[in-house]
Amino acid sequence: MALFKKRTVGRPGEWFYCLEHQKVEEGPDCPGKDRMGPYGSREEAQQAMQTAADRNLEWETDPRWHDKGSRGEDA
């Protein structure tokens, strides 16, 4: 018995960004490993890569997540 059922049809209003095809899709057309979302609108899904880049930059520059000395730096 499978623990998770694969949804083959998306819910109305669910938008995803497919990393493999580099396009916005309504509903989960591609496997979960290849998509980002769900997003509340097509516009949000279109900005998925920029949103991810912004969040990555925010994380990389957040001093709460980078202790001194963690990468061989002096404490």
PDB file of N, CA and C in Angstrom:
ATOM      1  N   MET A   1       0.836  -1.169   0.000  1.00  0.00           N
ATOM      2  CA  MET A   1       0.000   0.000   0.000  1.00  0.00           C
ATOM      3  C   MET A   1       0.887   1.241   0.000  1.00  0.00           C
ATOM      4  N   ALA A   2       0.616   2.152  -0.901  1.00  0.00           N
ATOM      5  CA  ALA A   2       1.408   3.370  -1.007  1.00  0.00           C
ATOM      6  C   ALA A   2       1.049   4.338   0.115  1.00  0.00           C
ATOM      7  N   LEU A   3       2.068   5.000   0.638  1.00  0.00           N
ATOM      8  CA  LEU A   3       1.835   5.984   1.684  1.00  0.00           C
ATOM      9  C   LEU A   3       1.274   7.282   1.113  1.00  0.00           C
ATOM     10  N   PHE A   4       1.721   7.612  -0.077  1.00  0.00           N
ATOM     11  CA  PHE A   4       1.269   8.847  -0.704  1.00  0.00           C
ATOM     12  C   PHE A   4       0.686   8.528  -2.064  1.00  0.00           C
ATOM     13  N   LYS A   5      -0.448   9.081  -2.334  1.00  0.00           N
ATOM     14  CA  LYS A   5      -1.059   8.883  -3.637  1.00  0.00           C
ATOM     15  C   LYS A   5      -0.577   9.973  -4.575  1.00  0.00           C
ATOM     16  N   LYS A   6      -0.259   9.586  -5.789  1.00  0.00           N
ATOM     17  CA  LYS A   6       0.178  10.547  -6.789  1.00  0.00           C
ATOM     18  C   LYS A   6      -1.041  11.234  -7.385  1.00  0.00           C
ATOM     19  N   ARG A   7      -1.053  12.552  -7.276  1.00  0.00           N
ATOM     20  CA  ARG A   7      -2.131  13.298  -7.903  1.00  0.00           C
ATOM     21  C   ARG A   7      -1.775  13.518  -9.357  1.00  0.00           C
ATOM     22  N   THR A   8      -2.690  13.194 -10.216  1.00  0.00           N
ATOM     23  CA  THR A   8      -2.443  13.398 -11.630  1.00  0.00           C
ATOM     24  C   THR A   8      -3.164  14.633 -12.156  1.00  0.00           C
ATOM     25  N   VAL A   9      -4.071  15.180 -11.375  1.00  0.00           N
ATOM     26  CA  VAL A   9      -4.816  16.357 -11.781  1.00  0.00           C
ATOM     27  C   VAL A   9      -4.638  17.424 -10.713  1.00  0.00           C
ATOM     28  N   GLY A  10      -4.357  18.629 -11.137  1.00  0.00           N
ATOM     29  CA  GLY A  10      -4.155  19.715 -10.198  1.00  0.00           C
ATOM     30  C   GLY A  10      -5.461  20.312  -9.719  1.00  0.00           C
ATOM     31  N   ARG A  11      -5.379  21.003  -8.630  1.00  0.00           N
ATOM     32  CA  ARG A  11      -6.531  21.733  -8.115  1.00  0.00           C
ATOM     33  C   ARG A  11      -6.621  23.064  -8.840  1.00  0.00           C
ATOM     34  N   PRO A  12      -7.811  23.563  -9.041  1.00  0.00           N
ATOM     35  CA  PRO A  12      -7.938  24.877  -9.680  1.00  0.00           C
ATOM     36  C   PRO A  12      -7.193  25.940  -8.877  1.00  0.00           C
ATOM     37  N   GLY A  13      -6.427  26.744  -9.568  1.00  0.00           N
ATOM     38  CA  GLY A  13      -5.692  27.814  -8.907  1.00  0.00           C
ATOM     39  C   GLY A  13      -4.315  27.433  -8.401  1.00  0.00           C
ATOM     40  N   GLU A  14      -3.899  26.192  -8.573  1.00  0.00           N
ATOM     41  CA  GLU A  14      -2.546  25.779  -8.183  1.00  0.00           C
ATOM     42  C   GLU A  14      -1.624  25.955  -9.387  1.00  0.00           C
ATOM     43  N   TRP A  15      -0.577  26.699  -9.178  1.00  0.00           N
ATOM     44  CA  TRP A  15       0.392  26.952 -10.242  1.00  0.00           C
ATOM     45  C   TRP A  15       1.758  26.456  -9.809  1.00  0.00           C
ATOM     46  N   PHE A  16       2.494  25.883 -10.737  1.00  0.00           N
ATOM     47  CA  PHE A  16       3.817  25.336 -10.482  1.00  0.00           C
ATOM     48  C   PHE A  16       4.792  25.849 -11.539  1.00  0.00           C
ATOM     49  N   TYR A  17       6.070  25.841 -11.184  1.00  0.00           N
ATOM     50  CA  TYR A  17       7.114  26.145 -12.156  1.00  0.00           C
ATOM     51  C   TYR A  17       7.894  24.860 -12.369  1.00  0.00           C
ATOM     52  N   CYS A  18       7.933  24.376 -13.614  1.00  0.00           N
ATOM     53  CA  CYS A  18       8.653  23.146 -13.952  1.00  0.00           C
ATOM     54  C   CYS A  18      10.108  23.484 -14.248  1.00  0.00           C
ATOM     55  N   LEU A  19      11.008  22.902 -13.477  1.00  0.00           N
ATOM     56  CA  LEU A  19      12.436  23.149 -13.647  1.00  0.00           C
ATOM     57  C   LEU A  19      12.978  22.488 -14.913  1.00  0.00           C
ATOM     58  N   GLU A  20      12.425  21.355 -15.273  1.00  0.00           N
ATOM     59  CA  GLU A  20      12.900  20.633 -16.463  1.00  0.00           C
ATOM     60  C   GLU A  20      12.503  21.356 -17.748  1.00  0.00           C
ATOM     61  N   HIS A  21      11.251  21.777 -17.825  1.00  0.00           N
ATOM     62  CA  HIS A  21      10.748  22.427 -19.039  1.00  0.00           C
ATOM     63  C   HIS A  21      10.853  23.946 -18.988  1.00  0.00           C
ATOM     64  N   GLN A  22      11.200  24.476 -17.810  1.00  0.00           N
ATOM     65  CA  GLN A  22      11.344  25.913 -17.585  1.00  0.00           C
ATOM     66  C   GLN A  22      10.096  26.674 -18.029  1.00  0.00           C
ATOM     67  N   LYS A  23       8.961  26.192 -17.512  1.00  0.00           N
ATOM     68  CA  LYS A  23       7.700  26.856 -17.839  1.00  0.00           C
ATOM     69  C   LYS A  23       6.725  26.726 -16.681  1.00  0.00           C
ATOM     70  N   VAL A  24       5.718  27.572 -16.705  1.00  0.00           N
ATOM     71  CA  VAL A  24       4.670  27.582 -15.692  1.00  0.00           C
ATOM     72  C   VAL A  24       3.595  26.587 -16.104  1.00  0.00           C
ATOM     73  N   GLU A  25       3.094  25.829 -15.124  1.00  0.00           N
ATOM     74  CA  GLU A  25       2.050  24.840 -15.383  1.00  0.00           C
ATOM     75  C   GLU A  25       0.942  25.005 -14.359  1.00  0.00           C
ATOM     76  N   GLU A  26      -0.281  24.841 -14.801  1.00  0.00           N
ATOM     77  CA  GLU A  26      -1.394  24.829 -13.859  1.00  0.00           C
ATOM     78  C   GLU A  26      -1.627  23.377 -13.479  1.00  0.00           C
ATOM     79  N   GLY A  27      -1.515  23.106 -12.198  1.00  0.00           N
ATOM     80  CA  GLY A  27      -1.635  21.725 -11.729  1.00  0.00           C
ATOM     81  C   GLY A  27      -0.303  21.016 -11.836  1.00  0.00           C
ATOM     82  N   PRO A  28      -0.142  19.918 -11.119  1.00  0.00           N
ATOM     83  CA  PRO A  28       1.132  19.192 -11.125  1.00  0.00           C
ATOM     84  C   PRO A  28       1.265  18.286 -12.346  1.00  0.00           C
ATOM     85  N   ASP A  29       1.680  18.852 -13.469  1.00  0.00           N
ATOM     86  CA  ASP A  29       1.859  18.055 -14.684  1.00  0.00           C
ATOM     87  C   ASP A  29       3.137  17.222 -14.641  1.00  0.00           C
ATOM     88  N   CYS A  30       4.189  17.774 -14.061  1.00  0.00           N
ATOM     89  CA  CYS A  30       5.478  17.092 -14.008  1.00  0.00           C
ATOM     90  C   CYS A  30       5.715  16.522 -12.610  1.00  0.00           C
ATOM     91  N   PRO A  31       6.648  15.573 -12.483  1.00  0.00           N
ATOM     92  CA  PRO A  31       6.948  14.986 -11.171  1.00  0.00           C
ATOM     93  C   PRO A  31       7.400  16.046 -10.167  1.00  0.00           C
ATOM     94  N   GLY A  32       7.144  15.785  -8.906  1.00  0.00           N
ATOM     95  CA  GLY A  32       7.484  16.718  -7.839  1.00  0.00           C
ATOM     96  C   GLY A  32       8.954  17.094  -7.807  1.00  0.00           C
ATOM     97  N   LYS A  33       9.825  16.193  -8.191  1.00  0.00           N
ATOM     98  CA  LYS A  33      11.262  16.478  -8.164  1.00  0.00           C
ATOM     99  C   LYS A  33      11.656  17.541  -9.181  1.00  0.00           C
ATOM    100  N   ASP A  34      10.785  17.791 -10.155  1.00  0.00           N
ATOM    101  CA  ASP A  34      11.088  18.735 -11.226  1.00  0.00           C
ATOM    102  C   ASP A  34      10.316  20.040 -11.137  1.00  0.00           C
ATOM    103  N   ARG A  35       9.599  20.269 -10.031  1.00  0.00           N
ATOM    104  CA  ARG A  35       8.774  21.473  -9.988  1.00  0.00           C
ATOM    105  C   ARG A  35       8.893  22.210  -8.664  1.00  0.00           C
ATOM    106  N   MET A  36       8.553  23.482  -8.727  1.00  0.00           N
ATOM    107  CA  MET A  36       8.498  24.331  -7.543  1.00  0.00           C
ATOM    108  C   MET A  36       7.055  24.797  -7.399  1.00  0.00           C
ATOM    109  N   GLY A  37       6.582  24.876  -6.178  1.00  0.00           N
ATOM    110  CA  GLY A  37       5.216  25.337  -5.950  1.00  0.00           C
ATOM    111  C   GLY A  37       4.513  24.437  -4.960  1.00  0.00           C
ATOM    112  N   PRO A  38       3.258  24.631  -4.756  1.00  0.00           N
ATOM    113  CA  PRO A  38       2.338  25.426  -5.572  1.00  0.00           C
ATOM    114  C   PRO A  38       2.386  26.908  -5.216  1.00  0.00           C
ATOM    115  N   TYR A  39       2.048  27.711  -6.198  1.00  0.00           N
ATOM    116  CA  TYR A  39       1.930  29.152  -6.045  1.00  0.00           C
ATOM    117  C   TYR A  39       0.463  29.524  -6.227  1.00  0.00           C
ATOM    118  N   GLY A  40       0.089  30.659  -5.674  1.00  0.00           N
ATOM    119  CA  GLY A  40      -1.296  31.091  -5.712  1.00  0.00           C
ATOM    120  C   GLY A  40      -1.730  31.705  -7.025  1.00  0.00           C
ATOM    121  N   SER A  41      -0.748  32.080  -7.866  1.00  0.00           N
ATOM    122  CA  SER A  41      -1.106  32.694  -9.142  1.00  0.00           C
ATOM    123  C   SER A  41      -0.049  32.352 -10.188  1.00  0.00           C
ATOM    124  N   ARG A  42      -0.427  32.543 -11.436  1.00  0.00           N
ATOM    125  CA  ARG A  42       0.495  32.321 -12.554  1.00  0.00           C
ATOM    126  C   ARG A  42       1.702  33.261 -12.420  1.00  0.00           C
ATOM    127  N   GLU A  43       1.448  34.499 -12.016  1.00  0.00           N
ATOM    128  CA  GLU A  43       2.517  35.488 -11.897  1.00  0.00           C
ATOM    129  C   GLU A  43       3.550  35.076 -10.846  1.00  0.00           C
ATOM    130  N   GLU A  44       3.068  34.564  -9.713  1.00  0.00           N
ATOM    131  CA  GLU A  44       3.998  34.090  -8.675  1.00  0.00           C
ATOM    132  C   GLU A  44       4.840  32.945  -9.205  1.00  0.00           C
ATOM    133  N   ALA A  45       4.233  32.026  -9.933  1.00  0.00           N
ATOM    134  CA  ALA A  45       4.965  30.884 -10.488  1.00  0.00           C
ATOM    135  C   ALA A  45       5.988  31.347 -11.519  1.00  0.00           C
ATOM    136  N   GLN A  46       5.652  32.375 -12.302  1.00  0.00           N
ATOM    137  CA  GLN A  46       6.592  32.897 -13.291  1.00  0.00           C
ATOM    138  C   GLN A  46       7.835  33.480 -12.625  1.00  0.00           C
ATOM    139  N   GLN A  47       7.702  33.946 -11.405  1.00  0.00           N
ATOM    140  CA  GLN A  47       8.815  34.537 -10.670  1.00  0.00           C
ATOM    141  C   GLN A  47       9.527  33.530  -9.774  1.00  0.00           C
ATOM    142  N   ALA A  48       9.246  32.247  -9.920  1.00  0.00           N
ATOM    143  CA  ALA A  48       9.775  31.219  -9.014  1.00  0.00           C
ATOM    144  C   ALA A  48      11.295  31.237  -8.926  1.00  0.00           C
ATOM    145  N   MET A  49      11.971  31.329 -10.046  1.00  0.00           N
ATOM    146  CA  MET A  49      13.433  31.287 -10.023  1.00  0.00           C
ATOM    147  C   MET A  49      14.013  32.543  -9.370  1.00  0.00           C
ATOM    148  N   GLN A  50      13.416  33.696  -9.620  1.00  0.00           N
ATOM    149  CA  GLN A  50      13.885  34.930  -8.985  1.00  0.00           C
ATOM    150  C   GLN A  50      13.612  34.900  -7.489  1.00  0.00           C
ATOM    151  N   THR A  51      12.447  34.384  -7.111  1.00  0.00           N
ATOM    152  CA  THR A  51      12.116  34.262  -5.691  1.00  0.00           C
ATOM    153  C   THR A  51      13.120  33.353  -4.991  1.00  0.00           C
ATOM    154  N   ALA A  52      13.461  32.229  -5.629  1.00  0.00           N
ATOM    155  CA  ALA A  52      14.437  31.310  -5.049  1.00  0.00           C
ATOM    156  C   ALA A  52      15.806  31.968  -4.931  1.00  0.00           C
ATOM    157  N   ALA A  53      16.217  32.703  -5.957  1.00  0.00           N
ATOM    158  CA  ALA A  53      17.513  33.387  -5.920  1.00  0.00           C
ATOM    159  C   ALA A  53      17.541  34.429  -4.809  1.00  0.00           C
ATOM    160  N   ASP A  54      16.453  35.188  -4.664  1.00  0.00           N
ATOM    161  CA  ASP A  54      16.380  36.190  -3.599  1.00  0.00           C
ATOM    162  C   ASP A  54      16.452  35.541  -2.225  1.00  0.00           C
ATOM    163  N   ARG A  55      15.747  34.444  -2.050  1.00  0.00           N
ATOM    164  CA  ARG A  55      15.767  33.748  -0.754  1.00  0.00           C
ATOM    165  C   ARG A  55      17.127  33.155  -0.465  1.00  0.00           C
ATOM    166  N   ASN A  56      17.791  32.605  -1.486  1.00  0.00           N
ATOM    167  CA  ASN A  56      19.131  32.060  -1.302  1.00  0.00           C
ATOM    168  C   ASN A  56      20.109  33.150  -0.879  1.00  0.00           C
ATOM    169  N   LEU A  57      20.030  34.309  -1.546  1.00  0.00           N
ATOM    170  CA  LEU A  57      20.913  35.418  -1.193  1.00  0.00           C
ATOM    171  C   LEU A  57      20.647  35.883   0.237  1.00  0.00           C
ATOM    172  N   GLU A  58      19.383  35.971   0.601  1.00  0.00           N
ATOM    173  CA  GLU A  58      19.019  36.372   1.961  1.00  0.00           C
ATOM    174  C   GLU A  58      19.591  35.391   2.978  1.00  0.00           C
ATOM    175  N   TRP A  59      19.500  34.109   2.695  1.00  0.00           N
ATOM    176  CA  TRP A  59      20.030  33.096   3.609  1.00  0.00           C
ATOM    177  C   TRP A  59      21.552  33.161   3.677  1.00  0.00           C
ATOM    178  N   GLU A  60      22.188  33.312   2.524  1.00  0.00           N
ATOM    179  CA  GLU A  60      23.653  33.337   2.489  1.00  0.00           C
ATOM    180  C   GLU A  60      24.239  34.529   3.226  1.00  0.00           C
ATOM    181  N   THR A  61      23.494  35.615   3.306  1.00  0.00           N
ATOM    182  CA  THR A  61      24.011  36.815   3.960  1.00  0.00           C
ATOM    183  C   THR A  61      23.432  37.026   5.355  1.00  0.00           C
ATOM    184  N   ASP A  62      22.673  36.090   5.863  1.00  0.00           N
ATOM    185  CA  ASP A  62      22.064  36.215   7.193  1.00  0.00           C
ATOM    186  C   ASP A  62      23.066  35.768   8.246  1.00  0.00           C
ATOM    187  N   PRO A  63      23.523  36.679   9.099  1.00  0.00           N
ATOM    188  CA  PRO A  63      24.539  36.311  10.104  1.00  0.00           C
ATOM    189  C   PRO A  63      24.041  35.302  11.124  1.00  0.00           C
ATOM    190  N   ARG A  64      22.731  35.172  11.288  1.00  0.00           N
ATOM    191  CA  ARG A  64      22.220  34.187  12.249  1.00  0.00           C
ATOM    192  C   ARG A  64      22.521  32.760  11.812  1.00  0.00           C
ATOM    193  N   TRP A  65      22.764  32.540  10.525  1.00  0.00           N
ATOM    194  CA  TRP A  65      22.986  31.188  10.015  1.00  0.00           C
ATOM    195  C   TRP A  65      24.443  30.881   9.761  1.00  0.00           C
ATOM    196  N   HIS A  66      25.323  31.859   9.964  1.00  0.00           N
ATOM    197  CA  HIS A  66      26.739  31.646   9.686  1.00  0.00           C
ATOM    198  C   HIS A  66      27.569  32.055  10.893  1.00  0.00           C
ATOM    199  N   ASP A  67      27.940  31.076  11.692  1.00  0.00           N
ATOM    200  CA  ASP A  67      28.806  31.333  12.835  1.00  0.00           C
ATOM    201  C   ASP A  67      30.232  31.521  12.342  1.00  0.00           C
ATOM    202  N   LYS A  68      30.970  32.402  12.999  1.00  0.00           N
ATOM    203  CA  LYS A  68      32.363  32.555  12.670  1.00  0.00           C
ATOM    204  C   LYS A  68      33.093  31.265  13.022  1.00  0.00           C
ATOM    205  N   GLY A  69      34.037  30.899  12.192  1.00  0.00           N
ATOM    206  CA  GLY A  69      34.814  29.705  12.428  1.00  0.00           C
ATOM    207  C   GLY A  69      34.230  28.456  11.823  1.00  0.00           C
ATOM    208  N   SER A  70      33.050  28.527  11.264  1.00  0.00           N
ATOM    209  CA  SER A  70      32.428  27.325  10.709  1.00  0.00           C
ATOM    210  C   SER A  70      33.094  26.865   9.416  1.00  0.00           C
ATOM    211  N   ARG A  71      33.789  27.776   8.724  1.00  0.00           N
ATOM    212  CA  ARG A  71      34.455  27.409   7.470  1.00  0.00           C
ATOM    213  C   ARG A  71      35.957  27.643   7.585  1.00  0.00           C
ATOM    214  N   GLY A  72      36.494  27.366   8.711  1.00  0.00           N
ATOM    215  CA  GLY A  72      37.927  27.522   8.894  1.00  0.00           C
ATOM    216  C   GLY A  72      38.347  28.946   9.217  1.00  0.00           C
ATOM    217  N   GLU A  73      37.387  29.834   9.442  1.00  0.00           N
ATOM    218  CA  GLU A  73      37.701  31.216   9.770  1.00  0.00           C
ATOM    219  C   GLU A  73      38.028  31.311  11.271  1.00  0.00           C
ATOM    220  N   ASP A  74      38.740  32.334  11.633  1.00  0.00           N
ATOM    221  CA  ASP A  74      39.055  32.543  13.052  1.00  0.00           C
ATOM    222  C   ASP A  74      37.809  32.960  13.798  1.00  0.00           C
ATOM    223  N   ALA A  75      37.648  32.435  14.992  1.00  0.00           N
ATOM    224  CA  ALA A  75      36.467  32.775  15.811  1.00  0.00           C
ATOM    225  C   ALA A  75      36.623  34.097  16.493  1.00  0.00           C
TER     226      ALA A  75
END
